[in-house]
Amino acid sequence: MKFSIGGRTFDTAAATKVAACRGINLPSHDMASDPDLRFEDVLYRTAKGAFFVHEHAAGKPVNGARPVVTDEARELSPDEAAAWIIDREAAVIDPTGLPEERSTPFS
């Protein structure tokens, strides 16, 4: 999938997967309108060393309406990418290009 961020094109097919996290946010019992949200967020590194995250989510409203799918992307600095991995408790696939002090625990 290709994304345009700040006038530059980022392509998930041409980039290297660095880390990923996925999950399900189930509707809460006290909010009948909450959607059943399934997500997969993947951090990528381009051949030139830029990082970007692709956030994919599919929400299925509890009232039986059609699923709502979103695909968004944003560019991250190497420090932001390392922090994203920690914050999301993401599974690291390839730590190449991350700051040394932050990439060691994931290796």
PDB file of N, CA and C in Angstrom:
ATOM      1  N   MET A   1       0.839  -1.153   0.000  1.00  0.00           N
ATOM      2  CA  MET A   1       0.000   0.000   0.000  1.00  0.00           C
ATOM      3  C   MET A   1       0.901   1.238   0.000  1.00  0.00           C
ATOM      4  N   LYS A   2       0.528   2.211  -0.783  1.00  0.00           N
ATOM      5  CA  LYS A   2       1.314   3.437  -0.875  1.00  0.00           C
ATOM      6  C   LYS A   2       0.618   4.577  -0.146  1.00  0.00           C
ATOM      7  N   PHE A   3       1.438   5.394   0.512  1.00  0.00           N
ATOM      8  CA  PHE A   3       0.948   6.560   1.232  1.00  0.00           C
ATOM      9  C   PHE A   3       1.777   7.764   0.835  1.00  0.00           C
ATOM     10  N   SER A   4       1.130   8.916   0.766  1.00  0.00           N
ATOM     11  CA  SER A   4       1.838  10.169   0.528  1.00  0.00           C
ATOM     12  C   SER A   4       1.889  10.918   1.857  1.00  0.00           C
ATOM     13  N   ILE A   5       3.116  11.160   2.349  1.00  0.00           N
ATOM     14  CA  ILE A   5       3.317  11.854   3.615  1.00  0.00           C
ATOM     15  C   ILE A   5       4.286  12.995   3.366  1.00  0.00           C
ATOM     16  N   GLY A   6       3.826  14.203   3.577  1.00  0.00           N
ATOM     17  CA  GLY A   6       4.692  15.371   3.393  1.00  0.00           C
ATOM     18  C   GLY A   6       5.272  15.472   1.995  1.00  0.00           C
ATOM     19  N   GLY A   7       4.503  15.078   0.999  1.00  0.00           N
ATOM     20  CA  GLY A   7       4.965  15.155  -0.383  1.00  0.00           C
ATOM     21  C   GLY A   7       5.862  14.008  -0.826  1.00  0.00           C
ATOM     22  N   ARG A   8       6.121  13.053   0.071  1.00  0.00           N
ATOM     23  CA  ARG A   8       6.942  11.888  -0.264  1.00  0.00           C
ATOM     24  C   ARG A   8       6.061  10.647  -0.282  1.00  0.00           C
ATOM     25  N   THR A   9       6.431   9.674  -1.093  1.00  0.00           N
ATOM     26  CA  THR A   9       5.678   8.432  -1.188  1.00  0.00           C
ATOM     27  C   THR A   9       6.341   7.346  -0.356  1.00  0.00           C
ATOM     28  N   PHE A  10       5.556   6.679   0.466  1.00  0.00           N
ATOM     29  CA  PHE A  10       6.005   5.567   1.289  1.00  0.00           C
ATOM     30  C   PHE A  10       5.211   4.340   0.862  1.00  0.00           C
ATOM     31  N   ASP A  11       5.905   3.255   0.555  1.00  0.00           N
ATOM     32  CA  ASP A  11       5.286   2.044   0.015  1.00  0.00           C
ATOM     33  C   ASP A  11       5.576   0.859   0.935  1.00  0.00           C
ATOM     34  N   THR A  12       4.544   0.255   1.483  1.00  0.00           N
ATOM     35  CA  THR A  12       4.740  -0.883   2.377  1.00  0.00           C
ATOM     36  C   THR A  12       5.348  -2.073   1.645  1.00  0.00           C
ATOM     37  N   ALA A  13       5.070  -2.208   0.358  1.00  0.00           N
ATOM     38  CA  ALA A  13       5.596  -3.340  -0.416  1.00  0.00           C
ATOM     39  C   ALA A  13       7.093  -3.218  -0.667  1.00  0.00           C
ATOM     40  N   ALA A  14       7.613  -1.993  -0.675  1.00  0.00           N
ATOM     41  CA  ALA A  14       9.035  -1.779  -0.957  1.00  0.00           C
ATOM     42  C   ALA A  14       9.857  -1.547   0.309  1.00  0.00           C
ATOM     43  N   ALA A  15       9.203  -1.478   1.469  1.00  0.00           N
ATOM     44  CA  ALA A  15       9.899  -1.191   2.727  1.00  0.00           C
ATOM     45  C   ALA A  15      10.082  -2.476   3.548  1.00  0.00           C
ATOM     46  N   THR A  16      10.932  -2.396   4.554  1.00  0.00           N
ATOM     47  CA  THR A  16      11.217  -3.524   5.447  1.00  0.00           C
ATOM     48  C   THR A  16      10.377  -3.406   6.705  1.00  0.00           C
ATOM     49  N   LYS A  17       9.725  -4.499   7.098  1.00  0.00           N
ATOM     50  CA  LYS A  17       8.972  -4.502   8.349  1.00  0.00           C
ATOM     51  C   LYS A  17       9.955  -4.483   9.511  1.00  0.00           C
ATOM     52  N   VAL A  18       9.762  -3.541  10.421  1.00  0.00           N
ATOM     53  CA  VAL A  18      10.623  -3.396  11.586  1.00  0.00           C
ATOM     54  C   VAL A  18       9.950  -3.999  12.814  1.00  0.00           C
ATOM     55  N   ALA A  19       8.669  -3.700  12.997  1.00  0.00           N
ATOM     56  CA  ALA A  19       7.930  -4.187  14.170  1.00  0.00           C
ATOM     57  C   ALA A  19       6.442  -4.171  13.869  1.00  0.00           C
ATOM     58  N   ALA A  20       5.695  -4.943  14.654  1.00  0.00           N
ATOM     59  CA  ALA A  20       4.253  -5.004  14.445  1.00  0.00           C
ATOM     60  C   ALA A  20       3.536  -5.264  15.760  1.00  0.00           C
ATOM     61  N   CYS A  21       2.317  -4.769  15.830  1.00  0.00           N
ATOM     62  CA  CYS A  21       1.435  -5.097  16.953  1.00  0.00           C
ATOM     63  C   CYS A  21       0.021  -5.196  16.396  1.00  0.00           C
ATOM     64  N   ARG A  22      -0.740  -6.091  16.996  1.00  0.00           N
ATOM     65  CA  ARG A  22      -2.129  -6.259  16.563  1.00  0.00           C
ATOM     66  C   ARG A  22      -2.968  -6.630  17.763  1.00  0.00           C
ATOM     67  N   GLY A  23      -4.245  -6.416  17.617  1.00  0.00           N
ATOM     68  CA  GLY A  23      -5.127  -6.742  18.726  1.00  0.00           C
ATOM     69  C   GLY A  23      -6.574  -6.466  18.414  1.00  0.00           C
ATOM     70  N   ILE A  24      -7.379  -6.637  19.456  1.00  0.00           N
ATOM     71  CA  ILE A  24      -8.825  -6.440  19.361  1.00  0.00           C
ATOM     72  C   ILE A  24      -9.252  -5.608  20.563  1.00  0.00           C
ATOM     73  N   ASN A  25      -9.996  -4.574  20.297  1.00  0.00           N
ATOM     74  CA  ASN A  25     -10.650  -3.811  21.359  1.00  0.00           C
ATOM     75  C   ASN A  25     -12.117  -4.191  21.299  1.00  0.00           C
ATOM     76  N   LEU A  26     -12.560  -4.981  22.244  1.00  0.00           N
ATOM     77  CA  LEU A  26     -13.950  -5.415  22.273  1.00  0.00           C
ATOM     78  C   LEU A  26     -14.841  -4.310  22.831  1.00  0.00           C
ATOM     79  N   PRO A  27     -16.112  -4.307  22.431  1.00  0.00           N
ATOM     80  CA  PRO A  27     -17.024  -3.287  22.962  1.00  0.00           C
ATOM     81  C   PRO A  27     -17.136  -3.389  24.483  1.00  0.00           C
ATOM     82  N   SER A  28     -17.266  -2.256  25.119  1.00  0.00           N
ATOM     83  CA  SER A  28     -17.459  -2.273  26.561  1.00  0.00           C
ATOM     84  C   SER A  28     -18.928  -2.553  26.863  1.00  0.00           C
ATOM     85  N   HIS A  29     -19.200  -3.089  28.023  1.00  0.00           N
ATOM     86  CA  HIS A  29     -20.565  -3.443  28.392  1.00  0.00           C
ATOM     87  C   HIS A  29     -21.436  -2.224  28.644  1.00  0.00           C
ATOM     88  N   ASP A  30     -20.834  -1.138  29.084  1.00  0.00           N
ATOM     89  CA  ASP A  30     -21.619   0.043  29.402  1.00  0.00           C
ATOM     90  C   ASP A  30     -21.807   0.987  28.211  1.00  0.00           C
ATOM     91  N   MET A  31     -21.190   0.678  27.099  1.00  0.00           N
ATOM     92  CA  MET A  31     -21.339   1.511  25.902  1.00  0.00           C
ATOM     93  C   MET A  31     -21.770   0.624  24.733  1.00  0.00           C
ATOM     94  N   ALA A  32     -23.044   0.469  24.535  1.00  0.00           N
ATOM     95  CA  ALA A  32     -23.565  -0.428  23.498  1.00  0.00           C
ATOM     96  C   ALA A  32     -23.190   0.018  22.091  1.00  0.00           C
ATOM     97  N   SER A  33     -22.786   1.266  21.929  1.00  0.00           N
ATOM     98  CA  SER A  33     -22.450   1.753  20.585  1.00  0.00           C
ATOM     99  C   SER A  33     -20.977   1.560  20.238  1.00  0.00           C
ATOM    100  N   ASP A  34     -20.146   1.081  21.193  1.00  0.00           N
ATOM    101  CA  ASP A  34     -18.720   0.865  20.911  1.00  0.00           C
ATOM    102  C   ASP A  34     -18.547  -0.202  19.837  1.00  0.00           C
ATOM    103  N   PRO A  35     -17.648   0.026  18.876  1.00  0.00           N
ATOM    104  CA  PRO A  35     -17.410  -0.991  17.844  1.00  0.00           C
ATOM    105  C   PRO A  35     -16.455  -2.081  18.328  1.00  0.00           C
ATOM    106  N   ASP A  36     -16.563  -3.239  17.714  1.00  0.00           N
ATOM    107  CA  ASP A  36     -15.587  -4.316  17.884  1.00  0.00           C
ATOM    108  C   ASP A  36     -14.451  -3.930  16.943  1.00  0.00           C
ATOM    109  N   LEU A  37     -13.333  -3.428  17.475  1.00  0.00           N
ATOM    110  CA  LEU A  37     -12.249  -2.867  16.664  1.00  0.00           C
ATOM    111  C   LEU A  37     -11.058  -3.815  16.628  1.00  0.00           C
ATOM    112  N   ARG A  38     -10.672  -4.224  15.440  1.00  0.00           N
ATOM    113  CA  ARG A  38      -9.495  -5.062  15.252  1.00  0.00           C
ATOM    114  C   ARG A  38      -8.451  -4.210  14.536  1.00  0.00           C
ATOM    115  N   PHE A  39      -7.201  -4.288  15.030  1.00  0.00           N
ATOM    116  CA  PHE A  39      -6.182  -3.430  14.439  1.00  0.00           C
ATOM    117  C   PHE A  39      -4.880  -4.196  14.227  1.00  0.00           C
ATOM    118  N   GLU A  40      -4.122  -3.719  13.255  1.00  0.00           N
ATOM    119  CA  GLU A  40      -2.759  -4.187  13.022  1.00  0.00           C
ATOM    120  C   GLU A  40      -1.951  -2.970  12.613  1.00  0.00           C
ATOM    121  N   ASP A  41      -0.964  -2.645  13.430  1.00  0.00           N
ATOM    122  CA  ASP A  41      -0.088  -1.507  13.156  1.00  0.00           C
ATOM    123  C   ASP A  41       1.311  -2.048  12.872  1.00  0.00           C
ATOM    124  N   VAL A  42       1.908  -1.597  11.780  1.00  0.00           N
ATOM    125  CA  VAL A  42       3.227  -2.101  11.374  1.00  0.00           C
ATOM    126  C   VAL A  42       4.169  -0.924  11.158  1.00  0.00           C
ATOM    127  N   LEU A  43       5.344  -1.037  11.763  1.00  0.00           N
ATOM    128  CA  LEU A  43       6.405  -0.040  11.597  1.00  0.00           C
ATOM    129  C   LEU A  43       7.322  -0.513  10.474  1.00  0.00           C
ATOM    130  N   TYR A  44       7.600   0.371   9.522  1.00  0.00           N
ATOM    131  CA  TYR A  44       8.436   0.053   8.366  1.00  0.00           C
ATOM    132  C   TYR A  44       9.650   0.968   8.315  1.00  0.00           C
ATOM    133  N   ARG A  45      10.697   0.494   7.616  1.00  0.00           N
ATOM    134  CA  ARG A  45      11.888   1.291   7.320  1.00  0.00           C
ATOM    135  C   ARG A  45      12.081   1.258   5.808  1.00  0.00           C
ATOM    136  N   THR A  46      12.268   2.415   5.203  1.00  0.00           N
ATOM    137  CA  THR A  46      12.497   2.476   3.762  1.00  0.00           C
ATOM    138  C   THR A  46      13.958   2.140   3.454  1.00  0.00           C
ATOM    139  N   ALA A  47      14.263   1.953   2.196  1.00  0.00           N
ATOM    140  CA  ALA A  47      15.636   1.662   1.776  1.00  0.00           C
ATOM    141  C   ALA A  47      16.581   2.806   2.132  1.00  0.00           C
ATOM    142  N   LYS A  48      16.054   4.029   2.223  1.00  0.00           N
ATOM    143  CA  LYS A  48      16.882   5.185   2.578  1.00  0.00           C
ATOM    144  C   LYS A  48      16.929   5.425   4.085  1.00  0.00           C
ATOM    145  N   GLY A  49      16.295   4.555   4.869  1.00  0.00           N
ATOM    146  CA  GLY A  49      16.384   4.646   6.323  1.00  0.00           C
ATOM    147  C   GLY A  49      15.288   5.421   7.027  1.00  0.00           C
ATOM    148  N   ALA A  50      14.290   5.886   6.295  1.00  0.00           N
ATOM    149  CA  ALA A  50      13.171   6.598   6.928  1.00  0.00           C
ATOM    150  C   ALA A  50      12.203   5.581   7.546  1.00  0.00           C
ATOM    151  N   PHE A  51      11.589   5.958   8.654  1.00  0.00           N
ATOM    152  CA  PHE A  51      10.623   5.086   9.319  1.00  0.00           C
ATOM    153  C   PHE A  51       9.213   5.631   9.122  1.00  0.00           C
ATOM    154  N   PHE A  52       8.250   4.729   8.944  1.00  0.00           N
ATOM    155  CA  PHE A  52       6.849   5.121   8.931  1.00  0.00           C
ATOM    156  C   PHE A  52       6.021   3.982   9.501  1.00  0.00           C
ATOM    157  N   VAL A  53       4.879   4.342  10.065  1.00  0.00           N
ATOM    158  CA  VAL A  53       3.989   3.348  10.640  1.00  0.00           C
ATOM    159  C   VAL A  53       2.687   3.344   9.841  1.00  0.00           C
ATOM    160  N   HIS A  54       2.227   2.143   9.496  1.00  0.00           N
ATOM    161  CA  HIS A  54       0.958   1.944   8.816  1.00  0.00           C
ATOM    162  C   HIS A  54      -0.024   1.419   9.856  1.00  0.00           C
ATOM    163  N   GLU A  55      -1.076   2.188  10.110  1.00  0.00           N
ATOM    164  CA  GLU A  55      -2.091   1.815  11.088  1.00  0.00           C
ATOM    165  C   GLU A  55      -3.358   1.401  10.357  1.00  0.00           C
ATOM    166  N   HIS A  56      -3.688   0.120  10.490  1.00  0.00           N
ATOM    167  CA  HIS A  56      -4.867  -0.453   9.832  1.00  0.00           C
ATOM    168  C   HIS A  56      -5.859  -0.870  10.905  1.00  0.00           C
ATOM    169  N   ALA A  57      -7.098  -0.463  10.761  1.00  0.00           N
ATOM    170  CA  ALA A  57      -8.127  -0.843  11.730  1.00  0.00           C
ATOM    171  C   ALA A  57      -9.423  -1.168  10.995  1.00  0.00           C
ATOM    172  N   ALA A  58     -10.132  -2.144  11.528  1.00  0.00           N
ATOM    173  CA  ALA A  58     -11.448  -2.505  11.010  1.00  0.00           C
ATOM    174  C   ALA A  58     -12.402  -2.559  12.189  1.00  0.00           C
ATOM    175  N   GLY A  59     -13.382  -1.699  12.164  1.00  0.00           N
ATOM    176  CA  GLY A  59     -14.364  -1.648  13.242  1.00  0.00           C
ATOM    177  C   GLY A  59     -15.698  -2.168  12.769  1.00  0.00           C
ATOM    178  N   LYS A  60     -16.259  -3.078  13.530  1.00  0.00           N
ATOM    179  CA  LYS A  60     -17.571  -3.633  13.206  1.00  0.00           C
ATOM    180  C   LYS A  60     -18.548  -3.140  14.265  1.00  0.00           C
ATOM    181  N   PRO A  61     -19.378  -2.181  13.921  1.00  0.00           N
ATOM    182  CA  PRO A  61     -20.327  -1.653  14.898  1.00  0.00           C
ATOM    183  C   PRO A  61     -21.241  -2.760  15.428  1.00  0.00           C
ATOM    184  N   VAL A  62     -21.615  -2.644  16.676  1.00  0.00           N
ATOM    185  CA  VAL A  62     -22.428  -3.681  17.315  1.00  0.00           C
ATOM    186  C   VAL A  62     -23.841  -3.744  16.765  1.00  0.00           C
ATOM    187  N   ASN A  63     -24.299  -2.717  16.090  1.00  0.00           N
ATOM    188  CA  ASN A  63     -25.660  -2.718  15.559  1.00  0.00           C
ATOM    189  C   ASN A  63     -25.780  -3.451  14.225  1.00  0.00           C
ATOM    190  N   GLY A  64     -24.713  -4.114  13.785  1.00  0.00           N
ATOM    191  CA  GLY A  64     -24.752  -4.892  12.551  1.00  0.00           C
ATOM    192  C   GLY A  64     -24.460  -4.099  11.294  1.00  0.00           C
ATOM    193  N   ALA A  65     -24.108  -2.858  11.420  1.00  0.00           N
ATOM    194  CA  ALA A  65     -23.777  -2.042  10.243  1.00  0.00           C
ATOM    195  C   ALA A  65     -22.504  -2.570   9.586  1.00  0.00           C
ATOM    196  N   ARG A  66     -22.227  -2.067   8.411  1.00  0.00           N
ATOM    197  CA  ARG A  66     -21.023  -2.492   7.684  1.00  0.00           C
ATOM    198  C   ARG A  66     -19.752  -2.102   8.430  1.00  0.00           C
ATOM    199  N   PRO A  67     -18.705  -2.936   8.305  1.00  0.00           N
ATOM    200  CA  PRO A  67     -17.423  -2.602   8.948  1.00  0.00           C
ATOM    201  C   PRO A  67     -16.845  -1.301   8.394  1.00  0.00           C
ATOM    202  N   VAL A  68     -16.172  -0.583   9.252  1.00  0.00           N
ATOM    203  CA  VAL A  68     -15.493   0.645   8.861  1.00  0.00           C
ATOM    204  C   VAL A  68     -13.997   0.354   8.905  1.00  0.00           C
ATOM    205  N   VAL A  69     -13.325   0.504   7.761  1.00  0.00           N
ATOM    206  CA  VAL A  69     -11.898   0.203   7.667  1.00  0.00           C
ATOM    207  C   VAL A  69     -11.124   1.506   7.483  1.00  0.00           C
ATOM    208  N   THR A  70     -10.046   1.637   8.246  1.00  0.00           N
ATOM    209  CA  THR A  70      -9.186   2.810   8.087  1.00  0.00           C
ATOM    210  C   THR A  70      -7.749   2.353   7.854  1.00  0.00           C
ATOM    211  N   ASP A  71      -7.059   3.069   7.020  1.00  0.00           N
ATOM    212  CA  ASP A  71      -5.642   2.857   6.743  1.00  0.00           C
ATOM    213  C   ASP A  71      -4.981   4.221   6.767  1.00  0.00           C
ATOM    214  N   GLU A  72      -4.099   4.410   7.732  1.00  0.00           N
ATOM    215  CA  GLU A  72      -3.397   5.686   7.864  1.00  0.00           C
ATOM    216  C   GLU A  72      -1.911   5.423   8.031  1.00  0.00           C
ATOM    217  N   ALA A  73      -1.102   6.410   7.700  1.00  0.00           N
ATOM    218  CA  ALA A  73       0.349   6.281   7.854  1.00  0.00           C
ATOM    219  C   ALA A  73       0.923   7.615   8.296  1.00  0.00           C
ATOM    220  N   ARG A  74       2.032   7.515   9.022  1.00  0.00           N
ATOM    221  CA  ARG A  74       2.749   8.721   9.424  1.00  0.00           C
ATOM    222  C   ARG A  74       4.227   8.388   9.537  1.00  0.00           C
ATOM    223  N   GLU A  75       5.047   9.389   9.251  1.00  0.00           N
ATOM    224  CA  GLU A  75       6.494   9.218   9.322  1.00  0.00           C
ATOM    225  C   GLU A  75       6.955   9.411  10.763  1.00  0.00           C
ATOM    226  N   LEU A  76       7.982   8.639  11.171  1.00  0.00           N
ATOM    227  CA  LEU A  76       8.548   8.730  12.510  1.00  0.00           C
ATOM    228  C   LEU A  76      10.065   8.889  12.411  1.00  0.00           C
ATOM    229  N   SER A  77      10.648   9.616  13.349  1.00  0.00           N
ATOM    230  CA  SER A  77      12.102   9.675  13.442  1.00  0.00           C
ATOM    231  C   SER A  77      12.580   8.354  14.047  1.00  0.00           C
ATOM    232  N   PRO A  78      13.869   8.033  13.984  1.00  0.00           N
ATOM    233  CA  PRO A  78      14.354   6.800  14.620  1.00  0.00           C
ATOM    234  C   PRO A  78      14.016   6.735  16.114  1.00  0.00           C
ATOM    235  N   ASP A  79      14.148   7.861  16.832  1.00  0.00           N
ATOM    236  CA  ASP A  79      13.799   7.877  18.259  1.00  0.00           C
ATOM    237  C   ASP A  79      12.303   7.656  18.467  1.00  0.00           C
ATOM    238  N   GLU A  80      11.487   8.274  17.629  1.00  0.00           N
ATOM    239  CA  GLU A  80      10.038   8.073  17.724  1.00  0.00           C
ATOM    240  C   GLU A  80       9.668   6.630  17.403  1.00  0.00           C
ATOM    241  N   ALA A  81      10.366   6.024  16.436  1.00  0.00           N
ATOM    242  CA  ALA A  81      10.106   4.622  16.079  1.00  0.00           C
ATOM    243  C   ALA A  81      10.430   3.710  17.256  1.00  0.00           C
ATOM    244  N   ALA A  82      11.559   3.948  17.928  1.00  0.00           N
ATOM    245  CA  ALA A  82      11.924   3.141  19.092  1.00  0.00           C
ATOM    246  C   ALA A  82      10.904   3.320  20.213  1.00  0.00           C
ATOM    247  N   ALA A  83      10.463   4.556  20.435  1.00  0.00           N
ATOM    248  CA  ALA A  83       9.458   4.820  21.468  1.00  0.00           C
ATOM    249  C   ALA A  83       8.127   4.166  21.109  1.00  0.00           C
ATOM    250  N   TRP A  84       7.771   4.164  19.823  1.00  0.00           N
ATOM    251  CA  TRP A  84       6.536   3.518  19.360  1.00  0.00           C
ATOM    252  C   TRP A  84       6.563   2.030  19.708  1.00  0.00           C
ATOM    253  N   ILE A  85       7.704   1.380  19.472  1.00  0.00           N
ATOM    254  CA  ILE A  85       7.843  -0.043  19.785  1.00  0.00           C
ATOM    255  C   ILE A  85       7.621  -0.294  21.271  1.00  0.00           C
ATOM    256  N   ILE A  86       8.230   0.536  22.097  1.00  0.00           N
ATOM    257  CA  ILE A  86       8.097   0.380  23.545  1.00  0.00           C
ATOM    258  C   ILE A  86       6.664   0.643  23.998  1.00  0.00           C
ATOM    259  N   ASP A  87       6.080   1.744  23.534  1.00  0.00           N
ATOM    260  CA  ASP A  87       4.721   2.112  23.938  1.00  0.00           C
ATOM    261  C   ASP A  87       3.690   1.068  23.533  1.00  0.00           C
ATOM    262  N   ARG A  88       3.851   0.514  22.346  1.00  0.00           N
ATOM    263  CA  ARG A  88       2.898  -0.466  21.822  1.00  0.00           C
ATOM    264  C   ARG A  88       3.227  -1.898  22.237  1.00  0.00           C
ATOM    265  N   GLU A  89       4.392  -2.080  22.876  1.00  0.00           N
ATOM    266  CA  GLU A  89       4.873  -3.424  23.201  1.00  0.00           C
ATOM    267  C   GLU A  89       4.841  -4.304  21.938  1.00  0.00           C
ATOM    268  N   ALA A  90       5.348  -3.714  20.861  1.00  0.00           N
ATOM    269  CA  ALA A  90       5.325  -4.365  19.549  1.00  0.00           C
ATOM    270  C   ALA A  90       6.390  -5.451  19.441  1.00  0.00           C
ATOM    271  N   ALA A  91       6.116  -6.429  18.604  1.00  0.00           N
ATOM    272  CA  ALA A  91       7.078  -7.492  18.314  1.00  0.00           C
ATOM    273  C   ALA A  91       8.074  -6.954  17.294  1.00  0.00           C
ATOM    274  N   VAL A  92       9.345  -6.990  17.646  1.00  0.00           N
ATOM    275  CA  VAL A  92      10.383  -6.472  16.750  1.00  0.00           C
ATOM    276  C   VAL A  92      10.785  -7.549  15.768  1.00  0.00           C
ATOM    277  N   ILE A  93      10.800  -7.173  14.505  1.00  0.00           N
ATOM    278  CA  ILE A  93      11.167  -8.087  13.428  1.00  0.00           C
ATOM    279  C   ILE A  93      12.590  -7.804  12.966  1.00  0.00           C
ATOM    280  N   ASP A  94      12.949  -6.520  12.825  1.00  0.00           N
ATOM    281  CA  ASP A  94      14.274  -6.113  12.356  1.00  0.00           C
ATOM    282  C   ASP A  94      14.640  -4.771  12.994  1.00  0.00           C
ATOM    283  N   PRO A  95      15.546  -4.741  13.984  1.00  0.00           N
ATOM    284  CA  PRO A  95      15.880  -3.496  14.669  1.00  0.00           C
ATOM    285  C   PRO A  95      16.888  -2.601  13.938  1.00  0.00           C
ATOM    286  N   THR A  96      17.284  -2.965  12.729  1.00  0.00           N
ATOM    287  CA  THR A  96      18.272  -2.186  11.982  1.00  0.00           C
ATOM    288  C   THR A  96      17.829  -0.731  11.852  1.00  0.00           C
ATOM    289  N   GLY A  97      18.734   0.185  12.183  1.00  0.00           N
ATOM    290  CA  GLY A  97      18.476   1.606  12.018  1.00  0.00           C
ATOM    291  C   GLY A  97      17.881   2.282  13.235  1.00  0.00           C
ATOM    292  N   LEU A  98      17.489   1.499  14.248  1.00  0.00           N
ATOM    293  CA  LEU A  98      16.978   2.102  15.477  1.00  0.00           C
ATOM    294  C   LEU A  98      18.157   2.559  16.326  1.00  0.00           C
ATOM    295  N   PRO A  99      17.941   3.537  17.194  1.00  0.00           N
ATOM    296  CA  PRO A  99      19.033   3.978  18.067  1.00  0.00           C
ATOM    297  C   PRO A  99      19.578   2.798  18.875  1.00  0.00           C
ATOM    298  N   GLU A 100      20.900   2.668  18.985  1.00  0.00           N
ATOM    299  CA  GLU A 100      21.545   1.520  19.647  1.00  0.00           C
ATOM    300  C   GLU A 100      21.033   1.275  21.052  1.00  0.00           C
ATOM    301  N   GLU A 101      20.955   2.322  21.872  1.00  0.00           N
ATOM    302  CA  GLU A 101      20.561   2.140  23.254  1.00  0.00           C
ATOM    303  C   GLU A 101      19.127   1.653  23.383  1.00  0.00           C
ATOM    304  N   ARG A 102      18.309   1.887  22.358  1.00  0.00           N
ATOM    305  CA  ARG A 102      16.921   1.442  22.423  1.00  0.00           C
ATOM    306  C   ARG A 102      16.695   0.144  21.673  1.00  0.00           C
ATOM    307  N   SER A 103      17.536  -0.170  20.692  1.00  0.00           N
ATOM    308  CA  SER A 103      17.288  -1.372  19.898  1.00  0.00           C
ATOM    309  C   SER A 103      17.817  -2.629  20.563  1.00  0.00           C
ATOM    310  N   THR A 104      18.785  -2.521  21.464  1.00  0.00           N
ATOM    311  CA  THR A 104      19.371  -3.686  22.112  1.00  0.00           C
ATOM    312  C   THR A 104      18.356  -4.562  22.825  1.00  0.00           C
ATOM    313  N   PRO A 105      17.424  -4.015  23.638  1.00  0.00           N
ATOM    314  CA  PRO A 105      16.490  -4.880  24.345  1.00  0.00           C
ATOM    315  C   PRO A 105      15.556  -5.664  23.435  1.00  0.00           C
ATOM    316  N   PHE A 106      15.383  -5.197  22.186  1.00  0.00           N
ATOM    317  CA  PHE A 106      14.457  -5.852  21.284  1.00  0.00           C
ATOM    318  C   PHE A 106      15.111  -6.955  20.467  1.00  0.00           C
ATOM    319  N   SER A 107      16.409  -6.990  20.420  1.00  0.00           N
ATOM    320  CA  SER A 107      17.115  -7.919  19.545  1.00  0.00           C
ATOM    321  C   SER A 107      16.949  -9.342  19.989  1.00  0.00           C
TER     322      SER A 107
END
